[in-house]
Amino acid sequence: MRELNDTLTDAVLEPILARDPAGPRITHYDDATGARIELSALTLANWAAKTANMIRDEFGLSPGSRVAVLLPAHWQTAAVLLGCWWAGAEVVLHADQDAELALVTAARLDETGDIPEVAALSLDPMGPPVRDLPIGVTDYATSVRVHGDQFRPGGIGCALDGMSVAEALEAARKSAGRQGFTAEDRVLSSTPWETPAELIDGFLAPMVVGASLVQVTNPDPAVREKRISSERVTAQRS
C-alpha cells in the first residue's frame, strides 16, 4: 500500500480532497481575454490523473523521467504539474535537453530542440486543439481527454529542478509560513511560474496548506479591487 505523500501531488491534493473536494481550489482569470475558469480539487485531480496516465501510457515515461514544462501560470499548467508529479516525473522549467518530454505552448515549440517527445497546449478555455502542429508534436487537448481520470502512482523521482519531494514540500511550507497563508485563505496572485522559486511561492505554497488560489494572467490593475471583493480574497501574493 502506498504511503500518503509518496508524490508531491499526493501531499498537495489528498488532504484537500479529504476536507473539501468540491470547493473552489483554483480560479484562473486571463484579463487579456476575459476568461474565468474555476476548478474544484476533484476536477483538478481528474485532470492531473488524465495527464499522468498520458505521460505513462502514451509517452512511456517511467518514474524519475524529466519533463520540461514551458507553460505560463494557468489552470491547465496546474493540472500538468500535478500530473507530472503523480507520474513520478521531475519537472524542469526550461528546455532541458535531457528531458524526455516537453509540455509547451505553440509559441515555445522552437525551444524544445532535441527533446524526443513534445505535447502542445492551446490553453484555450474551450479546449480546442492547437492548429497546424508540426509532424511528431502531440496535441495535449486531443490526447489527454481519452485517458482515465484515476491514477495510481507507481514510484517517484525528484520533484522540481533537482529537489526531492521532501525538499519541495519543505520549501513550499516555509514559503506559506512567510506569506501567512492558511487553509482558510483565498489567495490572489499574478506571480508567474517561470522559475522554481516563483512556482513554489505562487502555486505550491498556497496549495500545500489547502488555501484557494485566484491566479490572474495578464492582470488589469483597473479591476483588481473589484476582484478582491467579488472573489472574497483574504491574502495577496502580489
Protein backbone atom coordinates (compact mmCIF):
# COMPACT_ATOMS: atom_id res chain seq x y z
CA MET A 1 0.00 0.00 0.00
CA ARG A 2 1.39 3.37 -0.98
CA GLU A 3 2.01 5.93 1.71
CA LEU A 4 0.50 9.40 1.80
CA ASN A 5 2.88 11.97 0.32
CA ASP A 6 4.72 9.43 -1.86
CA THR A 7 4.45 12.10 -4.53
CA LEU A 8 4.18 15.86 -4.39
CA THR A 9 0.69 15.60 -5.85
CA ASP A 10 -0.45 13.27 -3.05
CA ALA A 11 0.87 15.73 -0.49
CA VAL A 12 -0.99 18.63 -2.09
CA LEU A 13 -4.26 17.02 -3.14
CA GLU A 14 -5.09 14.25 -0.68
CA PRO A 15 -5.68 16.49 2.37
CA ILE A 16 -7.80 18.86 0.27
CA LEU A 17 -9.79 16.02 -1.29
CA ALA A 18 -10.49 14.63 2.17
CA ARG A 19 -11.55 18.02 3.59
CA ASP A 20 -13.17 19.93 0.73
CA PRO A 21 -13.30 18.12 -2.65
CA ALA A 22 -15.99 20.33 -4.20
CA GLY A 23 -14.94 23.82 -3.09
CA PRO A 24 -13.06 26.17 -5.43
CA ARG A 25 -9.37 25.33 -5.47
CA ILE A 26 -8.03 27.28 -8.43
CA THR A 27 -9.84 30.19 -10.06
CA HIS A 28 -7.99 31.39 -13.14
CA TYR A 29 -8.52 34.74 -14.86
CA ASP A 30 -6.97 35.93 -18.09
CA ASP A 31 -7.63 39.65 -18.19
CA ALA A 32 -6.49 39.84 -21.82
CA THR A 33 -9.37 37.63 -22.95
CA GLY A 34 -11.87 38.00 -20.11
CA ALA A 35 -11.77 34.25 -19.43
CA ARG A 36 -12.58 32.92 -15.95
CA ILE A 37 -12.32 29.22 -15.08
CA GLU A 38 -12.86 27.71 -11.63
CA LEU A 39 -11.79 24.19 -10.64
CA SER A 40 -12.55 22.18 -7.53
CA ALA A 41 -9.95 19.88 -6.02
CA LEU A 42 -11.82 16.92 -7.50
CA THR A 43 -11.82 18.37 -11.02
CA LEU A 44 -8.16 19.32 -10.70
CA ALA A 45 -7.35 15.78 -9.54
CA ASN A 46 -9.19 14.33 -12.55
CA TRP A 47 -7.20 16.50 -14.95
CA ALA A 48 -3.97 15.61 -13.17
CA ALA A 49 -4.81 11.89 -13.38
CA LYS A 50 -5.52 12.14 -17.10
CA THR A 51 -2.19 13.91 -17.58
CA ALA A 52 -0.31 11.33 -15.51
CA ASN A 53 -1.90 8.49 -17.48
CA MET A 54 -0.95 10.19 -20.74
CA ILE A 55 2.64 10.64 -19.57
CA ARG A 56 2.92 6.99 -18.56
CA ASP A 57 0.84 5.22 -21.20
CA GLU A 58 1.15 7.40 -24.30
CA PHE A 59 4.71 8.62 -23.91
CA GLY A 60 6.05 5.63 -21.98
CA LEU A 61 7.79 7.65 -19.28
CA SER A 62 8.74 5.94 -16.05
CA PRO A 63 9.23 7.47 -12.58
CA GLY A 64 12.39 9.55 -12.50
CA SER A 65 11.99 10.85 -16.05
CA ARG A 66 12.49 14.57 -16.66
CA VAL A 67 9.70 16.67 -18.14
CA ALA A 68 10.21 20.22 -19.36
CA VAL A 69 7.14 22.36 -18.58
CA LEU A 70 7.28 25.52 -20.68
CA LEU A 71 3.89 26.98 -19.78
CA PRO A 72 2.58 30.15 -18.11
CA ALA A 73 0.78 30.31 -14.80
CA HIS A 74 -2.60 28.83 -15.79
CA TRP A 75 -5.14 26.29 -14.52
CA GLN A 76 -4.07 23.82 -17.23
CA THR A 77 -0.45 24.26 -16.14
CA ALA A 78 -1.51 23.33 -12.61
CA ALA A 79 -3.04 20.11 -13.95
CA VAL A 80 0.11 19.40 -15.97
CA LEU A 81 2.39 19.93 -12.99
CA LEU A 82 0.31 17.73 -10.70
CA GLY A 83 0.09 15.10 -13.42
CA CYS A 84 3.86 15.10 -13.89
CA TRP A 85 4.43 14.67 -10.16
CA TRP A 86 1.84 11.90 -9.92
CA ALA A 87 3.69 10.10 -12.71
CA GLY A 88 6.89 10.40 -10.66
CA ALA A 89 8.50 12.80 -13.13
CA GLU A 90 10.92 15.57 -12.30
CA VAL A 91 9.67 18.92 -13.57
CA VAL A 92 12.15 21.37 -15.07
CA LEU A 93 11.01 24.83 -16.12
CA HIS A 94 13.40 25.29 -19.02
CA ALA A 95 14.15 23.45 -22.26
CA ASP A 96 16.46 20.86 -20.68
CA GLN A 97 17.81 18.68 -23.46
CA ASP A 98 17.97 15.74 -21.03
CA ALA A 99 14.19 15.89 -20.71
CA GLU A 100 12.22 13.08 -22.31
CA LEU A 101 9.06 15.12 -22.80
CA ALA A 102 8.24 18.80 -23.18
CA LEU A 103 4.81 20.29 -22.49
CA VAL A 104 4.68 23.68 -24.19
CA THR A 105 2.61 26.41 -25.76
CA ALA A 106 2.72 26.64 -29.55
CA ALA A 107 4.74 29.84 -29.23
CA ARG A 108 7.57 27.95 -27.49
CA LEU A 109 7.86 24.94 -29.78
CA ASP A 110 11.15 26.25 -31.15
CA GLU A 111 12.71 25.94 -27.68
CA THR A 112 12.25 22.18 -27.45
CA GLY A 113 15.28 21.33 -29.58
CA ASP A 114 16.09 17.63 -29.45
CA ILE A 115 13.63 16.67 -26.69
CA PRO A 116 12.19 13.45 -28.15
CA GLU A 117 8.53 13.91 -27.20
CA VAL A 118 6.62 17.18 -27.32
CA ALA A 119 2.98 17.98 -26.48
CA ALA A 120 1.50 21.41 -27.17
CA LEU A 121 -1.29 23.13 -25.25
CA SER A 122 -3.58 25.81 -26.66
CA LEU A 123 -4.63 26.91 -23.14
CA ASP A 124 -7.98 27.87 -24.64
CA PRO A 125 -10.80 27.56 -22.05
CA MET A 126 -12.96 25.68 -24.56
CA GLY A 127 -10.23 23.07 -25.09
CA PRO A 128 -9.71 23.20 -28.88
CA PRO A 129 -6.58 21.64 -30.37
CA VAL A 130 -3.55 23.62 -31.44
CA ARG A 131 -3.79 24.19 -35.17
CA ASP A 132 -1.10 23.34 -37.71
CA LEU A 133 1.22 21.48 -35.37
CA PRO A 134 4.41 20.09 -36.88
CA ILE A 135 4.50 16.36 -37.57
CA GLY A 136 5.52 14.48 -34.42
CA VAL A 137 4.11 17.02 -31.97
CA THR A 138 1.16 15.77 -29.90
CA ASP A 139 -1.84 17.96 -29.22
CA TYR A 140 -2.41 17.81 -25.46
CA ALA A 141 -6.14 18.61 -25.51
CA THR A 142 -6.90 15.89 -28.04
CA SER A 143 -4.76 13.23 -26.37
CA VAL A 144 -5.41 13.85 -22.69
CA ARG A 145 -9.19 13.55 -22.82
CA VAL A 146 -9.10 9.86 -23.81
CA HIS A 147 -7.10 8.88 -20.72
CA GLY A 148 -8.58 7.73 -17.43
CA ASP A 149 -9.36 10.16 -14.62
CA GLN A 150 -7.96 7.89 -11.89
CA PHE A 151 -4.25 7.26 -11.37
CA ARG A 152 -2.27 5.04 -9.05
CA PRO A 153 1.33 6.23 -8.65
CA GLY A 154 3.98 3.59 -9.14
CA GLY A 155 7.15 5.34 -7.99
CA ILE A 156 8.81 8.72 -7.64
CA GLY A 157 11.93 10.57 -8.64
CA CYS A 158 12.95 14.15 -8.00
CA ALA A 159 10.12 16.67 -7.91
CA LEU A 160 11.32 20.05 -9.16
CA ASP A 161 14.60 21.01 -10.76
CA GLY A 162 16.67 18.56 -8.69
CA MET A 163 14.68 19.00 -5.48
CA SER A 164 13.29 15.87 -3.86
CA VAL A 165 9.62 15.64 -2.90
CA ALA A 166 10.54 16.29 0.73
CA GLU A 167 12.68 19.31 -0.17
CA ALA A 168 9.99 20.83 -2.39
CA LEU A 169 7.36 20.29 0.31
CA GLU A 170 9.55 21.87 2.97
CA ALA A 171 10.26 24.86 0.73
CA ALA A 172 6.53 25.28 0.00
CA ARG A 173 5.57 25.07 3.67
CA LYS A 174 8.22 27.61 4.65
CA SER A 175 7.03 29.92 1.88
CA ALA A 176 3.42 29.60 3.05
CA GLY A 177 4.54 30.44 6.58
CA ARG A 178 6.46 33.53 5.42
CA GLN A 179 3.46 34.71 3.42
CA GLY A 180 0.99 33.91 6.18
CA PHE A 181 -1.18 31.56 4.11
CA THR A 182 -3.60 29.21 5.85
CA ALA A 183 -6.24 26.73 4.74
CA GLU A 184 -8.90 29.40 5.25
CA ASP A 185 -7.34 31.85 2.76
CA ARG A 186 -8.39 32.83 -0.72
CA VAL A 187 -5.07 33.94 -2.23
CA LEU A 188 -4.88 36.42 -5.13
CA SER A 189 -1.72 36.12 -7.22
CA SER A 190 -0.35 37.21 -10.57
CA THR A 191 3.08 35.70 -9.91
CA PRO A 192 4.44 33.84 -12.98
CA TRP A 193 5.60 30.24 -12.60
CA GLU A 194 8.75 30.56 -14.68
CA THR A 195 11.33 29.62 -12.02
CA PRO A 196 11.31 27.08 -9.18
CA ALA A 197 11.15 29.92 -6.62
CA GLU A 198 8.16 31.53 -8.36
CA LEU A 199 6.39 28.19 -8.69
CA ILE A 200 6.93 27.39 -5.01
CA ASP A 201 5.84 30.84 -3.79
CA GLY A 202 2.96 31.35 -6.21
CA PHE A 203 1.50 27.86 -6.63
CA LEU A 204 2.79 25.27 -4.19
CA ALA A 205 2.76 27.48 -1.08
CA PRO A 206 -0.99 28.18 -1.13
CA MET A 207 -1.81 24.67 -2.33
CA VAL A 208 0.23 22.83 0.29
CA VAL A 209 -1.65 24.50 3.16
CA GLY A 210 -5.02 23.95 1.49
CA ALA A 211 -5.69 27.57 0.53
CA SER A 212 -7.75 28.51 -2.52
CA LEU A 213 -5.82 30.26 -5.31
CA VAL A 214 -7.10 33.05 -7.57
CA GLN A 215 -4.45 33.20 -10.30
CA VAL A 216 -4.52 36.10 -12.75
CA THR A 217 -2.77 36.16 -16.12
CA ASN A 218 -2.24 39.50 -17.90
CA PRO A 219 -3.61 41.36 -14.86
CA ASP A 220 -5.60 44.54 -15.38
CA PRO A 221 -4.93 46.88 -12.44
CA ALA A 222 -8.27 48.60 -13.03
CA VAL A 223 -10.27 45.54 -11.91
CA ARG A 224 -8.06 44.43 -9.03
CA GLU A 225 -10.05 45.97 -6.17
CA LYS A 226 -13.35 44.78 -7.59
CA ARG A 227 -11.90 41.27 -7.94
CA ILE A 228 -10.65 41.25 -4.36
CA SER A 229 -14.21 41.93 -3.25
CA SER A 230 -16.03 39.62 -5.68
CA GLU A 231 -13.68 36.69 -5.08
CA ARG A 232 -13.58 37.26 -1.33
CA VAL A 233 -9.79 37.46 -1.35
CA THR A 234 -8.18 37.27 2.08
CA ALA A 235 -4.49 37.19 1.15
CA GLN A 236 -2.43 38.55 -1.72
CA ARG A 237 0.72 37.27 -3.32
CA SER A 238 1.43 40.32 -5.45
